[in-house]
Amino acid sequence: KINKIIPVRAYLTSRPQKVFDGTKRWLEKYNFPQAEIVVRPNDITHEGGNKWKAKKLKQLYPSITCIIDDNPYLVDALAEDYKGVVFLYKNKYKGSKNLRVKECLDWSDVFSKINKYIEQ
């Protein structure tokens, strides 16, 4: 449903390169829309995953203007000047950065908030 109102352009994950094939199979198994899968490079440690993902997300803007993610630490890693929107799934953002974070209780809430975002 979300893909119909805002196309999925990429799956950006801090999962390592070695699980790329498994991630692809999982997305296909559950009928996620086809899109590029961007995984954490081998030279980035697990501990550096959120910083890498935040930097990559900023680089992809404005081609990619929003992300659905369940990790509040990604928001912590984003630069203050990130202009996109984070739809934070099933989590709260307790940080102090002045970013556009939309807390979402469930997938229905994600869909509703994305609709509102598109209408703006």
Protein backbone atom coordinates (compact mmCIF):
# COMPACT_ATOMS: atom_id res chain seq x y z
CA LYS A 1 0.00 0.00 0.00
CA ILE A 2 2.78 2.42 0.86
CA ASN A 3 4.60 1.72 -2.41
CA LYS A 4 1.52 2.91 -4.31
CA ILE A 5 1.67 6.40 -2.78
CA ILE A 6 5.44 6.78 -2.50
CA PRO A 7 7.54 4.27 -4.44
CA VAL A 8 10.14 2.28 -2.56
CA ARG A 9 13.43 3.23 -4.19
CA ALA A 10 15.85 1.33 -1.97
CA TYR A 11 16.22 -0.83 1.10
CA LEU A 12 18.97 0.79 3.13
CA THR A 13 20.19 -1.51 5.86
CA SER A 14 23.12 -1.62 8.24
CA ARG A 15 23.17 -5.39 7.81
CA PRO A 16 26.57 -6.52 6.52
CA GLN A 17 27.35 -7.41 2.92
CA LYS A 18 27.56 -11.12 3.81
CA VAL A 19 23.78 -11.32 4.43
CA PHE A 20 22.81 -9.57 1.18
CA ASP A 21 21.47 -12.75 -0.44
CA GLY A 22 19.44 -13.71 2.63
CA THR A 23 18.00 -10.19 2.87
CA LYS A 24 17.03 -10.30 -0.80
CA ARG A 25 15.33 -13.70 -0.40
CA TRP A 26 13.42 -12.48 2.68
CA LEU A 27 12.15 -9.37 0.85
CA GLU A 28 11.05 -11.51 -2.09
CA LYS A 29 9.41 -14.13 0.15
CA TYR A 30 7.23 -11.48 1.79
CA ASN A 31 6.43 -9.72 -1.50
CA PHE A 32 8.16 -6.44 -0.77
CA PRO A 33 8.41 -4.20 -3.84
CA GLN A 34 11.53 -4.68 -5.92
CA ALA A 35 14.16 -2.03 -5.24
CA GLU A 36 17.88 -1.69 -4.82
CA ILE A 37 19.28 -3.19 -1.61
CA VAL A 38 22.04 -1.10 -0.06
CA VAL A 39 23.95 -2.94 2.67
CA ARG A 40 26.77 -1.89 4.97
CA PRO A 41 30.16 -2.29 3.31
CA ASN A 42 32.56 -4.86 4.73
CA ASP A 43 34.99 -2.19 5.93
CA ILE A 44 32.38 -0.60 8.24
CA THR A 45 32.05 -2.27 11.63
CA HIS A 46 28.72 -3.19 13.22
CA GLU A 47 29.31 -0.41 15.75
CA GLY A 48 29.67 2.10 12.89
CA GLY A 49 26.52 0.90 11.12
CA ASN A 50 24.19 3.69 12.23
CA LYS A 51 26.72 6.40 11.34
CA TRP A 52 27.25 4.83 7.92
CA LYS A 53 23.50 4.48 7.33
CA ALA A 54 22.83 8.08 8.40
CA LYS A 55 25.58 9.38 6.12
CA LYS A 56 24.29 7.28 3.20
CA LEU A 57 20.72 8.47 3.80
CA LYS A 58 21.89 12.09 3.70
CA GLN A 59 23.79 11.41 0.45
CA LEU A 60 20.67 9.91 -1.13
CA TYR A 61 18.58 13.01 -0.35
CA PRO A 62 16.68 14.46 -2.25
CA SER A 63 16.35 11.36 -4.43
CA ILE A 64 15.15 9.57 -1.30
CA THR A 65 13.23 11.93 0.98
CA CYS A 66 12.12 9.60 3.74
CA ILE A 67 12.83 6.31 5.46
CA ILE A 68 10.81 3.89 7.56
CA ASP A 69 13.05 2.55 10.30
CA ASP A 70 12.66 1.05 13.77
CA ASN A 71 16.01 2.18 15.14
CA PRO A 72 16.06 5.43 17.16
CA TYR A 73 19.87 5.30 17.09
CA LEU A 74 19.72 6.00 13.37
CA VAL A 75 18.04 9.30 14.19
CA ASP A 76 20.77 10.04 16.74
CA ALA A 77 23.36 9.46 14.02
CA LEU A 78 21.72 11.80 11.48
CA ALA A 79 23.24 15.21 10.92
CA GLU A 80 21.25 18.19 12.25
CA ASP A 81 20.82 19.46 8.68
CA TYR A 82 19.22 16.26 7.32
CA LYS A 83 16.14 17.47 5.44
CA GLY A 84 14.30 14.16 5.02
CA VAL A 85 11.70 12.51 7.23
CA VAL A 86 12.15 9.46 9.43
CA PHE A 87 9.03 7.40 10.07
CA LEU A 88 10.12 5.73 13.29
CA TYR A 89 8.32 2.40 13.55
CA LYS A 90 7.33 1.13 17.01
CA ASN A 91 9.84 3.32 18.82
CA LYS A 92 10.16 6.71 20.42
CA TYR A 93 12.75 9.35 19.68
CA LYS A 94 14.07 10.84 22.89
CA GLY A 95 16.89 12.86 21.37
CA SER A 96 17.15 16.62 21.14
CA LYS A 97 17.90 17.06 17.45
CA ASN A 98 15.51 19.21 15.50
CA LEU A 99 14.75 16.61 12.83
CA ARG A 100 11.51 15.55 11.20
CA VAL A 101 10.72 12.31 13.02
CA LYS A 102 7.24 10.83 12.85
CA GLU A 103 6.71 8.21 15.54
CA CYS A 104 4.48 5.40 14.28
CA LEU A 105 2.69 2.85 16.45
CA ASP A 106 2.13 0.23 13.74
CA TRP A 107 1.98 -0.19 9.95
CA SER A 108 -1.45 1.42 9.79
CA ASP A 109 0.00 4.49 11.50
CA VAL A 110 2.99 4.50 9.12
CA PHE A 111 0.60 4.46 6.16
CA SER A 112 -1.52 7.27 7.62
CA LYS A 113 1.50 9.48 8.39
CA ILE A 114 3.03 8.90 4.97
CA ASN A 115 -0.27 9.94 3.38
CA LYS A 116 -0.18 13.16 5.41
CA TYR A 117 3.45 13.72 4.42
CA ILE A 118 2.62 13.34 0.71
CA GLU A 119 -0.31 15.76 1.00
CA GLN A 120 1.90 18.55 2.41
